[in-house]
Amino acid sequence: MAIALSIVALARPQINNGEIKVKSSFINIVTAIDMSKSMFSNDVYPNRFEFAKKKFFESLNYFKNAKVALIGFSSQTFLISPLTQDFHSLKFLAKNLSLDYLSLKGTDILATLESANNLFGEEKKKILLLFTDGGDQSDFSKEIAYAKAHNISVYVYNIGTDKGGVIKDKDGVLKDKNGDIVVVKRTDNIKELAMQSGGAYMKYSLAKDDIKLLVDTIQSRYKAKDEENSTIQDREELFYYPLALAILFFMMALFSLPRRKEIKK
């Protein structure tokens, strides 16, 4: 009997109480990784682009109750993933991003803002997280005006060093028309876009918790909104009843076994 009840328990009998509607809360975040030529720079190991991907992976470990989209950008923008809660797939897509087949120069931050705005749709509060070296522009007034007009808060993780680095690709070290080696530095002026749009700014560092601090800043400023009702099956587990009886019968059988008689010598 104990064995039979154990088999029933392993089958996990259930009562289906029907469907119930639940609400889940989340915030929408668009992330964008700079894929311009300057991201080949070796002042950050192994280069700025791979480091940006690493920080993006880390950010997904800290986002809670969030939907995240991913854009690649240079002089153009590339939609890699729309808003999703499937972070496993996001990591897979980002892992397979490569600059090997791209030769696009320039960093169009304004186009990135426009692409992010399209992904948000009618969302009132819009969050854009940029992983970039800031590009080569010094004036971000157009980007600031656009971000303010469309309620986009820009959070910047600025990658690169003050000293800068050289750009290495499959063709070797990049040189200018005079044959001199090109040295690209991080552009700190992009900080103005972050601060004036109501976001936050963080420079590249080797600290293990820097991206966590940035993600925590984002999440502390925005309350998760209610998603539309979703339907799940309400099932009541019954396996513990036959399991309890199986244990009871087993114990009864164990203690009802005849005791060994002592043999007197």
Protein backbone atom coordinates (compact mmCIF):
# COMPACT_ATOMS: atom_id res chain seq x y z
CA MET A 1 0.00 0.00 0.00
CA ALA A 2 2.83 2.40 0.89
CA ILE A 3 4.46 1.78 -2.50
CA ALA A 4 1.18 2.36 -4.36
CA LEU A 5 0.56 5.63 -2.52
CA SER A 6 4.13 6.75 -3.25
CA ILE A 7 3.54 6.20 -6.96
CA VAL A 8 0.35 8.26 -6.77
CA ALA A 9 2.24 11.06 -5.00
CA LEU A 10 4.94 11.06 -7.69
CA ALA A 11 2.22 11.55 -10.31
CA ARG A 12 1.43 14.91 -8.62
CA PRO A 13 -2.38 14.83 -8.63
CA GLN A 14 -3.95 18.29 -8.89
CA ILE A 15 -7.30 20.04 -8.78
CA ASN A 16 -7.80 22.64 -11.49
CA ASN A 17 -9.63 25.59 -9.93
CA GLY A 18 -9.89 27.36 -13.27
CA GLU A 19 -8.24 30.48 -14.62
CA ILE A 20 -7.26 33.53 -12.61
CA LYS A 21 -6.08 36.94 -13.75
CA VAL A 22 -2.89 38.39 -12.34
CA LYS A 23 -1.01 41.66 -12.75
CA SER A 24 2.74 41.93 -13.09
CA SER A 25 4.70 45.15 -12.64
CA PHE A 26 7.62 46.29 -14.73
CA ILE A 27 9.55 49.26 -16.10
CA ASN A 28 10.57 49.67 -19.73
CA ILE A 29 14.23 50.35 -20.50
CA VAL A 30 15.93 50.73 -23.88
CA THR A 31 19.65 49.95 -23.84
CA ALA A 32 21.97 50.93 -26.68
CA ILE A 33 25.51 49.75 -27.40
CA ASP A 34 27.88 51.91 -29.46
CA MET A 35 29.14 49.95 -32.50
CA SER A 36 31.15 52.70 -34.18
CA LYS A 37 34.76 52.36 -35.31
CA SER A 38 36.13 54.04 -32.18
CA MET A 39 34.80 51.15 -30.08
CA PHE A 40 37.70 49.08 -31.46
CA SER A 41 40.00 51.20 -29.26
CA ASN A 42 42.27 49.11 -27.06
CA ASP A 43 42.54 51.48 -24.09
CA VAL A 44 40.00 49.20 -22.38
CA TYR A 45 40.63 45.45 -22.38
CA PRO A 46 40.08 43.75 -24.76
CA ASN A 47 38.47 46.74 -26.48
CA ARG A 48 35.70 49.22 -25.72
CA PHE A 49 33.03 47.26 -27.57
CA GLU A 50 33.62 43.96 -25.77
CA PHE A 51 33.75 45.81 -22.47
CA ALA A 52 30.41 47.46 -23.30
CA LYS A 53 28.88 44.04 -23.94
CA LYS A 54 30.25 42.80 -20.63
CA LYS A 55 28.64 45.70 -18.76
CA PHE A 56 25.37 45.13 -20.61
CA PHE A 57 25.37 41.49 -19.48
CA GLU A 58 25.99 42.60 -15.90
CA SER A 59 23.16 45.14 -16.03
CA LEU A 60 20.68 42.38 -16.89
CA ASN A 61 21.64 40.60 -13.67
CA TYR A 62 20.45 43.60 -11.64
CA PHE A 63 17.31 44.74 -13.46
CA LYS A 64 14.21 43.54 -11.62
CA ASN A 65 10.66 43.61 -12.97
CA ALA A 66 11.90 45.22 -16.16
CA LYS A 67 11.45 44.87 -19.89
CA VAL A 68 14.64 45.66 -21.78
CA ALA A 69 15.21 46.43 -25.46
CA LEU A 70 18.60 46.51 -27.20
CA ILE A 71 19.80 48.80 -29.99
CA GLY A 72 23.16 48.87 -31.74
CA PHE A 73 24.24 52.23 -33.12
CA SER A 74 26.97 54.07 -34.98
CA SER A 75 26.14 56.45 -37.82
CA GLN A 76 23.00 54.31 -38.12
CA THR A 77 20.88 52.41 -35.60
CA PHE A 78 20.14 48.69 -35.55
CA LEU A 79 17.28 47.11 -33.62
CA ILE A 80 18.66 43.97 -32.00
CA SER A 81 15.72 43.18 -29.72
CA PRO A 82 12.40 44.88 -28.89
CA LEU A 83 11.29 45.23 -25.26
CA THR A 84 11.39 41.82 -23.62
CA GLN A 85 11.69 40.08 -20.25
CA ASP A 86 13.59 37.19 -21.84
CA PHE A 87 17.05 38.18 -20.65
CA HIS A 88 18.52 34.81 -21.65
CA SER A 89 17.74 35.54 -25.30
CA LEU A 90 19.01 39.12 -24.92
CA LYS A 91 22.36 37.85 -23.65
CA PHE A 92 22.55 35.38 -26.52
CA LEU A 93 21.91 38.10 -29.10
CA ALA A 94 24.40 40.51 -27.52
CA LYS A 95 27.05 37.81 -27.19
CA ASN A 96 26.97 37.25 -30.94
CA LEU A 97 27.30 40.94 -31.83
CA SER A 98 30.56 41.66 -33.61
CA LEU A 99 32.32 44.65 -35.13
CA ASP A 100 34.30 42.47 -37.54
CA TYR A 101 31.95 43.13 -40.42
CA LEU A 102 31.18 46.76 -39.63
CA SER A 103 33.23 49.68 -40.89
CA LEU A 104 30.83 52.47 -40.01
CA LYS A 105 32.37 55.66 -38.70
CA GLY A 106 30.65 58.23 -36.55
CA THR A 107 28.28 58.06 -33.60
CA ASP A 108 24.77 59.39 -34.15
CA ILE A 109 23.32 59.82 -30.66
CA LEU A 110 20.31 61.76 -31.98
CA ALA A 111 19.30 58.85 -34.24
CA THR A 112 19.62 56.56 -31.22
CA LEU A 113 17.27 58.77 -29.23
CA GLU A 114 14.77 58.71 -32.10
CA SER A 115 14.92 54.90 -32.35
CA ALA A 116 14.45 54.56 -28.60
CA ASN A 117 11.49 56.93 -28.68
CA ASN A 118 9.84 54.80 -31.38
CA LEU A 119 10.26 51.69 -29.23
CA PHE A 120 8.61 53.37 -26.24
CA GLY A 121 5.55 54.43 -28.22
CA GLU A 122 3.10 56.33 -26.00
CA GLU A 123 5.08 55.68 -22.82
CA LYS A 124 5.22 58.80 -20.66
CA LYS A 125 8.46 58.08 -18.83
CA LYS A 126 11.23 56.83 -21.10
CA ILE A 127 14.57 55.43 -19.96
CA LEU A 128 17.56 55.09 -22.29
CA LEU A 129 20.80 53.47 -21.09
CA LEU A 130 23.77 54.17 -23.37
CA PHE A 131 27.02 52.18 -23.42
CA THR A 132 29.27 54.46 -25.47
CA ASP A 133 32.59 56.30 -25.65
CA GLY A 134 30.67 59.50 -26.40
CA GLY A 135 31.58 59.70 -30.08
CA ASP A 136 33.53 62.62 -31.51
CA GLN A 137 31.08 65.48 -31.10
CA SER A 138 31.42 68.22 -28.50
CA ASP A 139 27.96 69.79 -28.66
CA PHE A 140 24.93 67.76 -27.57
CA SER A 141 22.40 70.59 -27.57
CA LYS A 142 20.21 68.95 -30.24
CA GLU A 143 20.19 65.66 -28.36
CA ILE A 144 19.36 67.41 -25.08
CA ALA A 145 16.47 69.28 -26.71
CA TYR A 146 15.08 66.08 -28.24
CA ALA A 147 15.37 64.15 -24.97
CA LYS A 148 13.54 66.87 -23.05
CA ALA A 149 10.81 67.21 -25.70
CA HIS A 150 10.10 63.47 -25.62
CA ASN A 151 10.60 62.86 -21.87
CA ILE A 152 13.61 60.60 -22.36
CA SER A 153 15.94 60.28 -19.38
CA VAL A 154 19.37 59.30 -20.66
CA TYR A 155 21.72 57.24 -18.50
CA VAL A 156 25.27 57.04 -19.82
CA TYR A 157 27.99 54.51 -19.07
CA ASN A 158 30.95 56.23 -20.75
CA ILE A 159 33.65 53.81 -21.86
CA GLY A 160 37.28 54.73 -22.46
CA THR A 161 40.22 56.35 -20.70
CA ASP A 162 41.49 59.92 -20.47
CA LYS A 163 44.65 58.85 -22.27
CA GLY A 164 42.76 57.15 -25.10
CA GLY A 165 43.88 54.28 -27.29
CA VAL A 166 44.52 53.16 -30.84
CA ILE A 167 42.00 51.43 -33.06
CA LYS A 168 42.91 47.91 -34.10
CA ASP A 169 40.84 45.92 -36.56
CA LYS A 170 41.45 43.14 -39.08
CA ASP A 171 43.40 45.62 -41.25
CA GLY A 172 45.77 46.61 -38.46
CA VAL A 173 46.19 49.90 -36.60
CA LEU A 174 44.11 52.80 -37.95
CA LYS A 175 46.10 55.72 -39.36
CA ASP A 176 45.08 59.10 -40.71
CA LYS A 177 45.74 60.41 -44.23
CA ASN A 178 49.22 61.54 -43.16
CA GLY A 179 50.14 58.08 -41.99
CA ASP A 180 49.99 58.96 -38.29
CA ILE A 181 48.40 56.55 -35.84
CA VAL A 182 44.94 57.71 -34.76
CA VAL A 183 44.41 58.00 -31.00
CA VAL A 184 40.78 58.16 -29.84
CA LYS A 185 39.84 59.49 -26.42
CA ARG A 186 36.67 59.22 -24.40
CA THR A 187 34.26 62.12 -24.93
CA ASP A 188 33.13 63.43 -21.55
CA ASN A 189 30.83 66.12 -22.96
CA ILE A 190 28.08 63.52 -23.27
CA LYS A 191 27.68 63.94 -19.51
CA GLU A 192 25.61 67.06 -20.28
CA LEU A 193 23.06 64.94 -22.13
CA ALA A 194 22.71 62.63 -19.15
CA MET A 195 22.44 65.34 -16.52
CA GLN A 196 20.16 67.75 -18.41
CA SER A 197 17.76 64.99 -19.46
CA GLY A 198 17.24 63.88 -15.87
CA GLY A 199 19.41 60.79 -16.13
CA ALA A 200 22.79 59.94 -14.64
CA TYR A 201 26.38 59.62 -15.81
CA MET A 202 29.10 57.12 -14.97
CA LYS A 203 32.66 56.88 -16.26
CA TYR A 204 34.39 53.62 -17.11
CA SER A 205 35.96 51.93 -14.12
CA LEU A 206 37.17 48.51 -13.06
CA ALA A 207 34.90 48.51 -10.01
CA LYS A 208 32.80 45.35 -9.87
CA ASP A 209 29.67 47.10 -8.64
CA ASP A 210 29.67 50.24 -10.82
CA ILE A 211 26.96 49.06 -13.21
CA LYS A 212 24.92 47.84 -10.23
CA LEU A 213 24.99 51.36 -8.81
CA LEU A 214 23.78 52.77 -12.12
CA VAL A 215 20.98 50.20 -12.41
CA ASP A 216 19.95 50.81 -8.79
CA THR A 217 19.79 54.53 -9.54
CA ILE A 218 17.47 53.89 -12.48
CA GLN A 219 15.19 51.54 -10.56
CA SER A 220 14.97 53.79 -7.51
CA ARG A 221 13.65 56.67 -9.61
CA TYR A 222 10.86 54.87 -11.40
CA LYS A 223 7.91 52.98 -10.04
CA ALA A 224 6.95 49.89 -11.95
CA LYS A 225 3.72 50.28 -13.85
CA ASP A 226 0.91 47.73 -14.00
CA GLU A 227 0.89 45.46 -17.00
CA GLU A 228 -2.35 44.27 -18.57
CA ASN A 229 -3.99 41.33 -16.84
CA SER A 230 -2.55 37.98 -17.81
CA THR A 231 -4.28 34.63 -17.27
CA ILE A 232 -2.79 31.62 -15.50
CA GLN A 233 -4.19 28.27 -14.39
CA ASP A 234 -4.94 28.01 -10.67
CA ARG A 235 -4.00 24.47 -9.70
CA GLU A 236 -4.04 23.01 -6.19
CA GLU A 237 -1.42 20.37 -5.49
CA LEU A 238 -2.71 17.16 -3.81
CA PHE A 239 0.45 15.04 -3.83
CA TYR A 240 1.11 15.59 -0.13
CA TYR A 241 -2.02 13.60 0.88
CA PRO A 242 -0.96 10.25 -0.66
CA LEU A 243 2.63 11.03 0.34
CA ALA A 244 1.63 11.49 3.99
CA LEU A 245 -0.40 8.25 3.92
CA ALA A 246 2.50 6.41 2.27
CA ILE A 247 4.84 7.56 5.04
CA LEU A 248 2.26 6.54 7.67
CA PHE A 249 1.82 3.03 6.21
CA PHE A 250 5.58 2.68 5.90
CA MET A 251 6.10 3.58 9.55
CA MET A 252 3.30 1.24 10.66
CA ALA A 253 4.84 -1.58 8.67
CA LEU A 254 8.28 -0.83 10.06
CA PHE A 255 7.19 -0.88 13.70
CA SER A 256 4.90 -3.89 13.28
CA LEU A 257 7.76 -6.18 12.26
CA PRO A 258 8.36 -8.94 14.81
CA ARG A 259 11.31 -8.37 17.07
CA ARG A 260 14.20 -10.79 17.12
CA LYS A 261 14.06 -13.05 20.10
CA GLU A 262 17.13 -13.12 22.22
CA ILE A 263 18.73 -16.55 22.45
CA LYS A 264 19.84 -17.41 25.91
CA LYS A 265 23.07 -19.27 26.14
